[in-house]
C-alpha atoms as a PDB file:
ATOM      1  CA  MET A   1      56.761  10.413-147.561  1.00  0.00           C
ATOM      2  CA  LEU A   2      55.974  11.123-144.212  1.00  0.00           C
ATOM      3  CA  LYS A   3      58.287  14.420-144.179  1.00  0.00           C
ATOM      4  CA  THR A   4      56.813  15.566-147.338  1.00  0.00           C
ATOM      5  CA  VAL A   5      52.992  14.562-146.357  1.00  0.00           C
ATOM      6  CA  ALA A   6      53.223  16.410-143.041  1.00  0.00           C
ATOM      7  CA  MET A   7      54.884  19.710-144.914  1.00  0.00           C
ATOM      8  CA  LEU A   8      51.961  19.534-147.821  1.00  0.00           C
ATOM      9  CA  LYS A   9      49.548  19.146-144.912  1.00  0.00           C
ATOM     10  CA  LYS A  10      51.131  22.362-144.000  1.00  0.00           C
ATOM     11  CA  VAL A  11      51.045  24.867-147.134  1.00  0.00           C
ATOM     12  CA  ILE A  12      47.505  23.626-148.513  1.00  0.00           C
ATOM     13  CA  LEU A  13      46.157  24.839-144.581  1.00  0.00           C
ATOM     14  CA  ILE A  14      47.811  28.652-145.111  1.00  0.00           C
ATOM     15  CA  ASN A  15      46.655  28.323-149.174  1.00  0.00           C
ATOM     16  CA  SER A  16      50.338  28.366-150.888  1.00  0.00           C
ATOM     17  CA  LEU A  17      50.699  25.002-152.626  1.00  0.00           C
ATOM     18  CA  VAL A  18      52.699  25.496-155.612  1.00  0.00           C
ATOM     19  CA  TRP A  19      49.875  25.462-157.629  1.00  0.00           C
ATOM     20  CA  LEU A  20      51.026  23.921-162.021  1.00  0.00           C
ATOM     21  CA  GLY A  21      48.380  24.018-164.585  1.00  0.00           C
ATOM     22  CA  VAL A  22      47.267  20.757-166.225  1.00  0.00           C
ATOM     23  CA  SER A  23      44.712  20.740-169.217  1.00  0.00           C
ATOM     24  CA  ASN A  24      44.954  16.999-170.501  1.00  0.00           C
ATOM     25  CA  LEU A  25      43.760  15.473-167.046  1.00  0.00           C
ATOM     26  CA  TYR A  26      41.973  11.763-168.877  1.00  0.00           C
ATOM     27  CA  ALA A  27      43.471  12.351-172.206  1.00  0.00           C
ATOM     28  CA  ASP A  28      45.404   9.519-171.869  1.00  0.00           C
ATOM     29  CA  ALA A  29      42.699   7.537-169.674  1.00  0.00           C
ATOM     30  CA  PRO A  30      43.593   3.325-170.351  1.00  0.00           C
ATOM     31  CA  SER A  31      39.942   3.076-171.649  1.00  0.00           C
ATOM     32  CA  ALA A  32      41.735   5.149-174.410  1.00  0.00           C
ATOM     33  CA  MET A  33      44.713   3.277-174.735  1.00  0.00           C
ATOM     34  CA  ASN A  34      44.944   0.550-177.964  1.00  0.00           C
ATOM     35  CA  ARG A  35      45.307  -2.885-176.398  1.00  0.00           C
ATOM     36  CA  GLU A  36      47.807  -4.502-178.689  1.00  0.00           C
ATOM     37  CA  LYS A  37      49.972  -1.887-178.039  1.00  0.00           C
ATOM     38  CA  VAL A  38      49.491  -1.407-173.998  1.00  0.00           C
ATOM     39  CA  VAL A  39      50.212  -5.010-173.719  1.00  0.00           C
ATOM     40  CA  THR A  40      53.200  -4.737-175.920  1.00  0.00           C
ATOM     41  CA  VAL A  41      54.811  -1.763-174.015  1.00  0.00           C
ATOM     42  CA  LEU A  42      54.048  -3.653-170.974  1.00  0.00           C
ATOM     43  CA  LYS A  43      56.118  -7.092-171.866  1.00  0.00           C
ATOM     44  CA  ASN A  44      58.969  -4.897-174.031  1.00  0.00           C
ATOM     45  CA  ASN A  45      59.786  -2.901-171.003  1.00  0.00           C
ATOM     46  CA  TYR A  46      58.837  -4.739-168.180  1.00  0.00           C
ATOM     47  CA  GLY A  47      58.832  -8.492-169.438  1.00  0.00           C
ATOM     48  CA  GLU A  48      56.076 -11.575-169.952  1.00  0.00           C
ATOM     49  CA  ARG A  49      54.359 -11.357-166.761  1.00  0.00           C
ATOM     50  CA  ALA A  50      53.621  -7.369-167.058  1.00  0.00           C
ATOM     51  CA  ALA A  51      52.250  -8.364-170.271  1.00  0.00           C
ATOM     52  CA  LYS A  52      50.117 -10.489-168.265  1.00  0.00           C
ATOM     53  CA  ARG A  53      49.003  -8.459-165.778  1.00  0.00           C
ATOM     54  CA  GLY A  54      48.328  -5.722-169.293  1.00  0.00           C
ATOM     55  CA  LYS A  55      45.895  -8.524-169.928  1.00  0.00           C
ATOM     56  CA  ALA A  56      44.490  -9.029-167.057  1.00  0.00           C
ATOM     57  CA  TRP A  57      43.197  -4.932-166.868  1.00  0.00           C
ATOM     58  CA  ILE A  58      42.764  -4.796-169.891  1.00  0.00           C
ATOM     59  CA  ASN A  59      39.593  -8.055-169.958  1.00  0.00           C
ATOM     60  CA  LEU A  60      38.674  -6.010-165.868  1.00  0.00           C
ATOM     61  CA  LEU A  61      38.389  -2.446-167.506  1.00  0.00           C
ATOM     62  CA  GLU A  62      36.495  -4.347-170.673  1.00  0.00           C
ATOM     63  CA  GLY A  63      34.100  -6.585-168.704  1.00  0.00           C
ATOM     64  CA  GLU A  64      30.059  -6.005-168.305  1.00  0.00           C
ATOM     65  CA  TYR A  65      29.230  -4.946-164.539  1.00  0.00           C
ATOM     66  CA  SER A  66      25.602  -4.642-163.437  1.00  0.00           C
ATOM     67  CA  ASN A  67      26.067  -2.144-160.949  1.00  0.00           C
ATOM     68  CA  ASP A  68      28.852   0.349-159.099  1.00  0.00           C
ATOM     69  CA  GLN A  69      29.439  -1.531-156.505  1.00  0.00           C
ATOM     70  CA  ILE A  70      30.881  -4.949-158.795  1.00  0.00           C
ATOM     71  CA  LYS A  71      32.701  -2.536-160.515  1.00  0.00           C
ATOM     72  CA  LEU A  72      34.358  -1.130-157.201  1.00  0.00           C
ATOM     73  CA  GLN A  73      34.905  -5.343-155.504  1.00  0.00           C
ATOM     74  CA  SER A  74      36.795  -6.450-158.799  1.00  0.00           C
ATOM     75  CA  THR A  75      38.840  -2.883-159.420  1.00  0.00           C
ATOM     76  CA  ASN A  76      39.854  -2.917-155.592  1.00  0.00           C
ATOM     77  CA  GLN A  77      40.653  -7.047-155.729  1.00  0.00           C
ATOM     78  CA  PHE A  78      42.391  -6.705-158.822  1.00  0.00           C
ATOM     79  CA  PHE A  79      45.214  -4.475-158.035  1.00  0.00           C
ATOM     80  CA  ASN A  80      45.542  -5.741-154.243  1.00  0.00           C
ATOM     81  CA  GLN A  81      47.361  -9.048-155.978  1.00  0.00           C
ATOM     82  CA  LEU A  82      49.972  -7.114-156.905  1.00  0.00           C
ATOM     83  CA  ARG A  83      53.029  -6.315-154.042  1.00  0.00           C
ATOM     84  CA  PHE A  84      53.304  -3.558-151.216  1.00  0.00           C
ATOM     85  CA  THR A  85      56.628  -1.825-151.361  1.00  0.00           C
ATOM     86  CA  THR A  86      58.269   2.058-150.897  1.00  0.00           C
ATOM     87  CA  ASP A  87      59.577   4.410-153.007  1.00  0.00           C
ATOM     88  CA  GLN A  88      62.593   3.803-151.689  1.00  0.00           C
ATOM     89  CA  LYS A  89      63.268   0.449-152.413  1.00  0.00           C
ATOM     90  CA  LEU A  90      61.414   0.367-156.135  1.00  0.00           C
ATOM     91  CA  TRP A  91      62.011   4.170-157.860  1.00  0.00           C
ATOM     92  CA  GLY A  92      64.965   4.623-156.275  1.00  0.00           C
ATOM     93  CA  GLU A  93      63.178   8.148-155.067  1.00  0.00           C
ATOM     94  CA  SER A  94      61.218   9.174-151.778  1.00  0.00           C
ATOM     95  CA  ASN A  95      57.884   9.788-152.873  1.00  0.00           C
ATOM     96  CA  TYR A  96      56.959   8.781-156.740  1.00  0.00           C
ATOM     97  CA  TRP A  97      53.565   8.309-157.632  1.00  0.00           C
ATOM     98  CA  ALA A  98      53.555   5.669-161.070  1.00  0.00           C
ATOM     99  CA  THR A  99      51.648   5.473-163.286  1.00  0.00           C
ATOM    100  CA  PRO A 100      48.858   2.968-163.795  1.00  0.00           C
ATOM    101  CA  ILE A 101      51.023   1.050-166.719  1.00  0.00           C
ATOM    102  CA  GLU A 102      54.140   1.631-164.483  1.00  0.00           C
ATOM    103  CA  PHE A 103      52.786   0.719-161.369  1.00  0.00           C
ATOM    104  CA  LEU A 104      51.354  -3.039-163.334  1.00  0.00           C
ATOM    105  CA  GLY A 105      54.486  -3.713-165.289  1.00  0.00           C
ATOM    106  CA  ALA A 106      56.824  -3.180-161.982  1.00  0.00           C
ATOM    107  CA  ASN A 107      53.931  -5.647-159.636  1.00  0.00           C
ATOM    108  CA  ALA A 108      54.354  -3.549-157.359  1.00  0.00           C
ATOM    109  CA  GLY A 109      53.949   0.235-155.609  1.00  0.00           C
ATOM    110  CA  ASP A 110      53.338   2.550-152.426  1.00  0.00           C
ATOM    111  CA  CYS A 111      49.708   3.540-151.127  1.00  0.00           C
ATOM    112  CA  GLU A 112      49.475   6.021-153.404  1.00  0.00           C
ATOM    113  CA  ASP A 113      49.727   3.742-156.944  1.00  0.00           C
ATOM    114  CA  PHE A 114      47.036   1.296-155.564  1.00  0.00           C
ATOM    115  CA  ALA A 115      45.394   4.548-154.982  1.00  0.00           C
ATOM    116  CA  VAL A 116      45.724   6.355-158.128  1.00  0.00           C
ATOM    117  CA  ALA A 117      45.440   2.570-160.159  1.00  0.00           C
ATOM    118  CA  LYS A 118      41.695   2.285-158.803  1.00  0.00           C
ATOM    119  CA  TYR A 119      40.853   5.716-159.627  1.00  0.00           C
ATOM    120  CA  PHE A 120      41.545   5.781-163.071  1.00  0.00           C
ATOM    121  CA  SER A 121      40.305   2.243-163.886  1.00  0.00           C
ATOM    122  CA  LEU A 122      36.704   2.731-162.234  1.00  0.00           C
ATOM    123  CA  LEU A 123      36.731   6.554-164.242  1.00  0.00           C
ATOM    124  CA  SER A 124      37.473   4.180-167.647  1.00  0.00           C
ATOM    125  CA  LEU A 125      34.510   1.744-166.139  1.00  0.00           C
ATOM    126  CA  GLY A 126      32.436   5.186-166.333  1.00  0.00           C
ATOM    127  CA  ILE A 127      32.291   5.970-162.759  1.00  0.00           C
ATOM    128  CA  ALA A 128      31.617   9.850-162.540  1.00  0.00           C
ATOM    129  CA  ASP A 129      34.370  11.565-160.923  1.00  0.00           C
ATOM    130  CA  GLU A 130      31.704  13.667-158.671  1.00  0.00           C
ATOM    131  CA  LYS A 131      31.230   9.852-157.165  1.00  0.00           C
ATOM    132  CA  LEU A 132      35.352   9.446-156.162  1.00  0.00           C
ATOM    133  CA  ARG A 133      37.867  10.689-153.828  1.00  0.00           C
ATOM    134  CA  ILE A 134      41.628   9.889-153.706  1.00  0.00           C
ATOM    135  CA  ILE A 135      42.599  10.407-149.532  1.00  0.00           C
ATOM    136  CA  MET A 136      45.510  10.898-147.408  1.00  0.00           C
ATOM    137  CA  VAL A 137      45.088   9.869-144.444  1.00  0.00           C
ATOM    138  CA  LYS A 138      47.444   9.037-141.376  1.00  0.00           C
ATOM    139  CA  ALA A 139      46.464   5.427-140.693  1.00  0.00           C
ATOM    140  CA  LEU A 140      46.754   5.426-137.045  1.00  0.00           C
ATOM    141  CA  THR A 141      47.769   1.814-137.009  1.00  0.00           C
ATOM    142  CA  LEU A 142      51.054   1.938-138.635  1.00  0.00           C
ATOM    143  CA  ASN A 143      51.805   5.183-137.356  1.00  0.00           C
ATOM    144  CA  GLN A 144      51.768   6.878-141.036  1.00  0.00           C
ATOM    145  CA  TYR A 145      50.938   8.704-143.690  1.00  0.00           C
ATOM    146  CA  HIS A 146      48.120   6.610-145.728  1.00  0.00           C
ATOM    147  CA  MET A 147      47.014   6.830-149.434  1.00  0.00           C
ATOM    148  CA  VAL A 148      43.519   5.046-149.975  1.00  0.00           C
ATOM    149  CA  LEU A 149      40.371   5.634-152.781  1.00  0.00           C
ATOM    150  CA  ALA A 150      37.050   6.951-151.153  1.00  0.00           C
ATOM    151  CA  TYR A 151      33.789   6.246-153.475  1.00  0.00           C
ATOM    152  CA  TYR A 152      30.797   8.378-152.633  1.00  0.00           C
ATOM    153  CA  GLU A 153      27.276   6.613-153.986  1.00  0.00           C
ATOM    154  CA  THR A 154      26.216  10.230-153.660  1.00  0.00           C
ATOM    155  CA  PRO A 155      27.478  13.617-152.281  1.00  0.00           C
ATOM    156  CA  VAL A 156      26.002  13.354-149.126  1.00  0.00           C
ATOM    157  CA  SER A 157      26.395   9.053-148.685  1.00  0.00           C
ATOM    158  CA  GLU A 158      29.091   8.297-146.690  1.00  0.00           C
ATOM    159  CA  PRO A 159      31.842   6.826-148.443  1.00  0.00           C
ATOM    160  CA  LEU A 160      33.149   3.314-149.142  1.00  0.00           C
ATOM    161  CA  ILE A 161      36.957   3.018-148.786  1.00  0.00           C
ATOM    162  CA  LEU A 162      38.953   0.889-151.086  1.00  0.00           C
ATOM    163  CA  ASP A 163      42.480   0.234-149.018  1.00  0.00           C
ATOM    164  CA  ASN A 164      45.823  -2.064-149.606  1.00  0.00           C
ATOM    165  CA  ILE A 165      45.880  -3.016-146.655  1.00  0.00           C
ATOM    166  CA  ASP A 166      42.663  -3.722-145.289  1.00  0.00           C
ATOM    167  CA  GLY A 167      41.679  -5.186-148.485  1.00  0.00           C
ATOM    168  CA  GLN A 168      37.549  -5.371-147.511  1.00  0.00           C
ATOM    169  CA  ILE A 169      35.650  -2.382-148.990  1.00  0.00           C
ATOM    170  CA  LYS A 170      34.387  -0.951-145.594  1.00  0.00           C
ATOM    171  CA  LEU A 171      32.243   2.027-144.684  1.00  0.00           C
ATOM    172  CA  ALA A 172      34.412   4.926-143.568  1.00  0.00           C
ATOM    173  CA  SER A 173      32.352   4.684-140.167  1.00  0.00           C
ATOM    174  CA  ALA A 174      34.118   1.501-140.040  1.00  0.00           C
ATOM    175  CA  ARG A 175      37.976   2.479-140.282  1.00  0.00           C
ATOM    176  CA  GLN A 176      38.642   4.673-137.244  1.00  0.00           C
ATOM    177  CA  ASP A 177      42.435   3.546-138.198  1.00  0.00           C
ATOM    178  CA  LEU A 178      41.870   6.343-141.075  1.00  0.00           C
ATOM    179  CA  ILE A 179      41.957  10.043-140.128  1.00  0.00           C
ATOM    180  CA  PRO A 180      41.751  11.778-143.226  1.00  0.00           C
ATOM    181  CA  ILE A 181      43.577  14.948-144.271  1.00  0.00           C
ATOM    182  CA  TYR A 182      42.941  16.158-147.335  1.00  0.00           C
ATOM    183  CA  SER A 183      41.171  14.611-150.404  1.00  0.00           C
ATOM    184  CA  PHE A 184      41.166  15.455-154.276  1.00  0.00           C
ATOM    185  CA  ASN A 185      39.727  14.253-157.612  1.00  0.00           C
ATOM    186  CA  GLY A 186      40.187  15.078-161.114  1.00  0.00           C
ATOM    187  CA  LYS A 187      37.588  18.550-160.307  1.00  0.00           C
ATOM    188  CA  GLN A 188      38.608  19.884-156.385  1.00  0.00           C
ATOM    189  CA  LEU A 189      40.758  19.347-153.630  1.00  0.00           C
ATOM    190  CA  TRP A 190      39.728  19.060-150.199  1.00  0.00           C
ATOM    191  CA  LEU A 191      40.663  19.868-146.811  1.00  0.00           C
ATOM    192  CA  ASN A 192      39.348  16.953-144.260  1.00  0.00           C
ATOM    193  CA  ASN A 193      37.947  17.222-141.159  1.00  0.00           C
ATOM    194  CA  GLU A 194      35.748  13.979-140.519  1.00  0.00           C
ATOM    195  CA  LYS A 195      35.158  11.239-143.141  1.00  0.00           C
ATOM    196  CA  ARG A 196      33.370  12.883-145.115  1.00  0.00           C
ATOM    197  CA  GLN A 197      33.784  15.751-148.164  1.00  0.00           C
ATOM    198  CA  GLY A 198      35.586  18.650-145.666  1.00  0.00           C
ATOM    199  CA  VAL A 199      36.178  21.874-147.277  1.00  0.00           C
ATOM    200  CA  VAL A 200      36.597  22.736-150.695  1.00  0.00           C
ATOM    201  CA  ALA A 201      40.408  24.316-151.141  1.00  0.00           C
ATOM    202  CA  GLY A 202      41.051  24.272-154.834  1.00  0.00           C
ATOM    203  CA  LYS A 203      41.841  22.802-158.431  1.00  0.00           C
ATOM    204  CA  PRO A 204      43.419  19.609-157.680  1.00  0.00           C
ATOM    205  CA  SER A 205      44.739  19.886-161.377  1.00  0.00           C
ATOM    206  CA  ARG A 206      47.161  22.301-160.554  1.00  0.00           C
ATOM    207  CA  LEU A 207      48.111  19.975-157.920  1.00  0.00           C
ATOM    208  CA  LYS A 208      52.320  19.750-158.311  1.00  0.00           C
ATOM    209  CA  ARG A 209      52.110  15.842-158.222  1.00  0.00           C
ATOM    210  CA  TRP A 210      49.029  15.309-159.480  1.00  0.00           C
ATOM    211  CA  ASN A 211      50.523  17.459-162.379  1.00  0.00           C
ATOM    212  CA  ASP A 212      53.336  15.632-163.026  1.00  0.00           C
ATOM    213  CA  LEU A 213      51.553  12.229-162.857  1.00  0.00           C
ATOM    214  CA  ASN A 214      49.374  12.826-165.312  1.00  0.00           C
ATOM    215  CA  HIS A 215      52.063  14.043-167.879  1.00  0.00           C
ATOM    216  CA  ARG A 216      52.943  10.954-167.952  1.00  0.00           C
ATOM    217  CA  MET A 217      49.620   8.541-168.521  1.00  0.00           C
ATOM    218  CA  GLY A 218      51.078   7.955-171.778  1.00  0.00           C
ATOM    219  CA  LEU A 219      52.711   5.001-173.329  1.00  0.00           C
ATOM    220  CA  ASP A 220      56.619   6.721-174.034  1.00  0.00           C
ATOM    221  CA  GLN A 221      57.657   7.708-169.967  1.00  0.00           C
ATOM    222  CA  LEU A 222      58.050   4.374-168.087  1.00  0.00           C
ATOM    223  CA  LYS A 223      60.658   4.835-165.127  1.00  0.00           C
ATOM    224  CA  GLN A 224      62.074   1.193-164.697  1.00  0.00           C
ATOM    225  CA  PRO A 225      62.053  -0.280-161.187  1.00  0.00           C
ATOM    226  CA  ILE A 226      65.819  -0.761-159.336  1.00  0.00           C
ATOM    227  CA  THR A 227      64.529  -4.111-157.411  1.00  0.00           C
ATOM    228  CA  VAL A 228      62.876  -6.540-159.833  1.00  0.00           C
ATOM    229  CA  MET A 229      59.563  -7.638-157.491  1.00  0.00           C
ATOM    230  CA  GLU A 230      58.109 -10.487-159.974  1.00  0.00           C
END
């Protein structure tokens, strides 16, 4: 992952990413999926325990919340129960961005999977895309690249950080261990030189891995882990 991220950062900085188009970013967002079908697909592909996680996830998405803070806390706590592992160990690939269904099915994932699942779940809970950023950071304490999700209450607010390593939601200024590199949501891609918005650098819907993830957001292209993490 370290080598891949470093290369990606360099390519972004010289504005020569390999861009791919996408027209259906939210075509299969979790809130649009049939509840019974999600549970059945999880059971058939990953087993009974995965089906139970699917039911719990749908209960999360169908819950009633009085404000965004409760949505953030509930979503962060839910996904942080899953296990952290590497893509190589789980999928047999060096860098695989799992869909939320695959993440739940495998009961494990790496930092990208935690951030992506939280992002799509919060969209389904009605939080505007403009308030969310998936951020690639350098985690100083781990000495490696890492991915987190950020929430901006307003465009100029200091963001809150949702992380699978530090489970407590904190303001970005309280996470001195994280150095942001680039960030994106469904509409924009930013280069970051501070823990705020950064500089707009294009459309993330044309980013190769993001585009690939989007096209696998349905229920018929589920990858099977090579390691059981139950």
